[in-house]
Amino acid sequence: MLAICEDCSKKYNIDESKMKGDRARFSCQECGHIIVVVRKGAADRSDENPATQPADKSRQ
């Protein structure tokens, strides 16, 4: 996966197989900006997580 620093435009090639979760965070080696990358398809899986869904108000 290609990640590009938003501040200085330095490019990083990220190996998704080494990511422990759906997101990874690291500092740019050129400018120190924090870069957050999200694994492809992670946004789709977040819809399946019941904790992110609104509560059913009929149960209250």
N, C-alpha and C. Protein backbone atom coordinates (compact mmCIF):
# COMPACT_ATOMS: atom_id res chain seq x y z
N MET A 1 0.85 -1.16 0.00
CA MET A 1 0.00 0.00 0.00
C MET A 1 0.91 1.23 0.00
N LEU A 2 0.53 2.24 -0.75
CA LEU A 2 1.30 3.47 -0.84
C LEU A 2 0.73 4.48 0.15
N ALA A 3 1.58 5.05 0.98
CA ALA A 3 1.19 6.11 1.91
C ALA A 3 2.05 7.33 1.60
N ILE A 4 1.41 8.50 1.54
CA ILE A 4 2.11 9.74 1.22
C ILE A 4 1.91 10.73 2.36
N CYS A 5 3.00 11.30 2.84
CA CYS A 5 2.93 12.29 3.90
C CYS A 5 2.17 13.51 3.40
N GLU A 6 1.20 13.96 4.19
CA GLU A 6 0.38 15.11 3.80
C GLU A 6 1.14 16.43 3.88
N ASP A 7 2.22 16.47 4.66
CA ASP A 7 2.97 17.71 4.82
C ASP A 7 4.09 17.86 3.78
N CYS A 8 4.93 16.83 3.61
CA CYS A 8 6.10 16.98 2.74
C CYS A 8 6.05 16.12 1.48
N SER A 9 5.03 15.28 1.34
CA SER A 9 4.80 14.43 0.15
C SER A 9 5.79 13.29 0.01
N LYS A 10 6.50 12.93 1.07
CA LYS A 10 7.38 11.76 1.01
C LYS A 10 6.51 10.52 0.89
N LYS A 11 6.93 9.59 0.04
CA LYS A 11 6.16 8.37 -0.22
C LYS A 11 6.71 7.20 0.56
N TYR A 12 5.80 6.37 1.09
CA TYR A 12 6.17 5.17 1.83
C TYR A 12 5.40 3.99 1.25
N ASN A 13 6.08 2.87 1.10
CA ASN A 13 5.45 1.63 0.67
C ASN A 13 5.20 0.79 1.93
N ILE A 14 3.92 0.59 2.28
CA ILE A 14 3.55 -0.09 3.51
C ILE A 14 3.19 -1.54 3.20
N ASP A 15 3.80 -2.48 3.92
CA ASP A 15 3.48 -3.90 3.79
C ASP A 15 2.31 -4.22 4.71
N GLU A 16 1.12 -4.41 4.13
CA GLU A 16 -0.08 -4.63 4.93
C GLU A 16 -0.01 -5.91 5.75
N SER A 17 0.78 -6.89 5.33
CA SER A 17 0.87 -8.14 6.07
C SER A 17 1.56 -7.95 7.42
N LYS A 18 2.30 -6.86 7.59
CA LYS A 18 2.98 -6.60 8.86
C LYS A 18 2.15 -5.73 9.80
N MET A 19 1.00 -5.26 9.34
CA MET A 19 0.13 -4.47 10.20
C MET A 19 -0.59 -5.38 11.17
N LYS A 20 -0.61 -5.03 12.45
CA LYS A 20 -1.25 -5.86 13.47
C LYS A 20 -2.76 -5.69 13.49
N GLY A 21 -3.23 -4.51 13.13
CA GLY A 21 -4.67 -4.23 13.14
C GLY A 21 -5.09 -3.62 11.82
N ASP A 22 -6.25 -2.97 11.84
CA ASP A 22 -6.76 -2.33 10.63
C ASP A 22 -6.11 -0.98 10.38
N ARG A 23 -5.46 -0.42 11.40
CA ARG A 23 -4.82 0.89 11.28
C ARG A 23 -3.38 0.83 11.76
N ALA A 24 -2.56 1.68 11.16
CA ALA A 24 -1.17 1.81 11.60
C ALA A 24 -0.83 3.30 11.63
N ARG A 25 0.04 3.67 12.55
CA ARG A 25 0.42 5.07 12.71
C ARG A 25 1.94 5.13 12.83
N PHE A 26 2.55 6.07 12.09
CA PHE A 26 4.00 6.25 12.18
C PHE A 26 4.35 7.69 11.85
N SER A 27 5.57 8.08 12.21
CA SER A 27 6.06 9.43 11.94
C SER A 27 6.83 9.46 10.64
N CYS A 28 6.63 10.53 9.87
CA CYS A 28 7.39 10.73 8.64
C CYS A 28 8.86 10.93 8.99
N GLN A 29 9.74 10.27 8.29
CA GLN A 29 11.17 10.38 8.57
C GLN A 29 11.74 11.71 8.10
N GLU A 30 11.05 12.39 7.19
CA GLU A 30 11.53 13.67 6.68
C GLU A 30 11.10 14.85 7.55
N CYS A 31 9.81 14.91 7.91
CA CYS A 31 9.30 16.11 8.59
C CYS A 31 8.70 15.84 9.97
N GLY A 32 8.50 14.57 10.33
CA GLY A 32 7.96 14.24 11.65
C GLY A 32 6.44 14.21 11.73
N HIS A 33 5.75 14.50 10.63
CA HIS A 33 4.29 14.47 10.61
C HIS A 33 3.80 13.05 10.92
N ILE A 34 2.70 12.93 11.69
CA ILE A 34 2.13 11.63 12.02
C ILE A 34 1.26 11.18 10.84
N ILE A 35 1.54 9.99 10.33
CA ILE A 35 0.80 9.41 9.20
C ILE A 35 -0.02 8.24 9.73
N VAL A 36 -1.29 8.23 9.41
CA VAL A 36 -2.18 7.13 9.80
C VAL A 36 -2.65 6.46 8.52
N VAL A 37 -2.45 5.15 8.44
CA VAL A 37 -2.92 4.39 7.28
C VAL A 37 -3.97 3.39 7.75
N VAL A 38 -4.96 3.16 6.90
CA VAL A 38 -6.04 2.23 7.19
C VAL A 38 -6.00 1.13 6.15
N ARG A 39 -6.05 -0.10 6.62
CA ARG A 39 -6.01 -1.26 5.73
C ARG A 39 -7.21 -1.22 4.78
N LYS A 40 -6.99 -1.62 3.54
CA LYS A 40 -8.08 -1.65 2.56
C LYS A 40 -9.19 -2.56 3.06
N GLY A 41 -10.43 -2.09 2.97
CA GLY A 41 -11.58 -2.87 3.41
C GLY A 41 -11.89 -2.71 4.89
N ALA A 42 -11.05 -2.02 5.65
CA ALA A 42 -11.30 -1.85 7.09
C ALA A 42 -12.54 -1.00 7.33
N ALA A 43 -12.79 -0.03 6.49
CA ALA A 43 -13.98 0.82 6.66
C ALA A 43 -15.25 0.00 6.44
N ASP A 44 -15.20 -0.96 5.55
CA ASP A 44 -16.36 -1.82 5.30
C ASP A 44 -16.65 -2.70 6.51
N ARG A 45 -15.60 -3.20 7.18
CA ARG A 45 -15.79 -4.08 8.34
C ARG A 45 -16.29 -3.31 9.55
N SER A 46 -16.02 -2.00 9.62
CA SER A 46 -16.48 -1.23 10.78
C SER A 46 -18.01 -1.15 10.80
N ASP A 47 -18.67 -1.29 9.66
CA ASP A 47 -20.12 -1.28 9.61
C ASP A 47 -20.70 -2.52 10.28
N GLU A 48 -19.91 -3.59 10.37
CA GLU A 48 -20.37 -4.84 10.97
C GLU A 48 -20.23 -4.84 12.49
N ASN A 49 -19.50 -3.88 13.05
CA ASN A 49 -19.26 -3.82 14.48
C ASN A 49 -20.48 -3.23 15.18
N PRO A 50 -21.15 -3.98 16.04
CA PRO A 50 -22.35 -3.46 16.69
C PRO A 50 -22.07 -2.29 17.62
N ALA A 51 -20.86 -2.15 18.09
CA ALA A 51 -20.55 -1.04 19.00
C ALA A 51 -20.62 0.30 18.29
N THR A 52 -20.47 0.31 16.97
CA THR A 52 -20.51 1.56 16.22
C THR A 52 -21.92 1.87 15.73
N GLN A 53 -22.86 0.98 15.92
CA GLN A 53 -24.23 1.18 15.47
C GLN A 53 -25.02 1.96 16.52
N PRO A 54 -25.97 2.79 16.08
CA PRO A 54 -26.79 3.51 17.07
C PRO A 54 -27.64 2.55 17.87
N ALA A 55 -27.91 2.92 19.12
CA ALA A 55 -28.71 2.06 20.01
C ALA A 55 -30.16 2.01 19.53
N ASP A 56 -30.79 0.89 19.75
CA ASP A 56 -32.20 0.70 19.41
C ASP A 56 -33.03 1.37 20.50
N LYS A 57 -33.68 2.48 20.19
CA LYS A 57 -34.41 3.25 21.19
C LYS A 57 -35.70 2.57 21.63
N SER A 58 -36.18 1.59 20.89
CA SER A 58 -37.42 0.92 21.28
C SER A 58 -37.20 0.02 22.50
N ARG A 59 -35.97 -0.32 22.84
CA ARG A 59 -35.66 -1.18 23.98
C ARG A 59 -35.62 -0.41 25.29
N GLN A 60 -35.62 0.90 25.25
CA GLN A 60 -35.45 1.70 26.48
C GLN A 60 -36.70 1.76 27.28
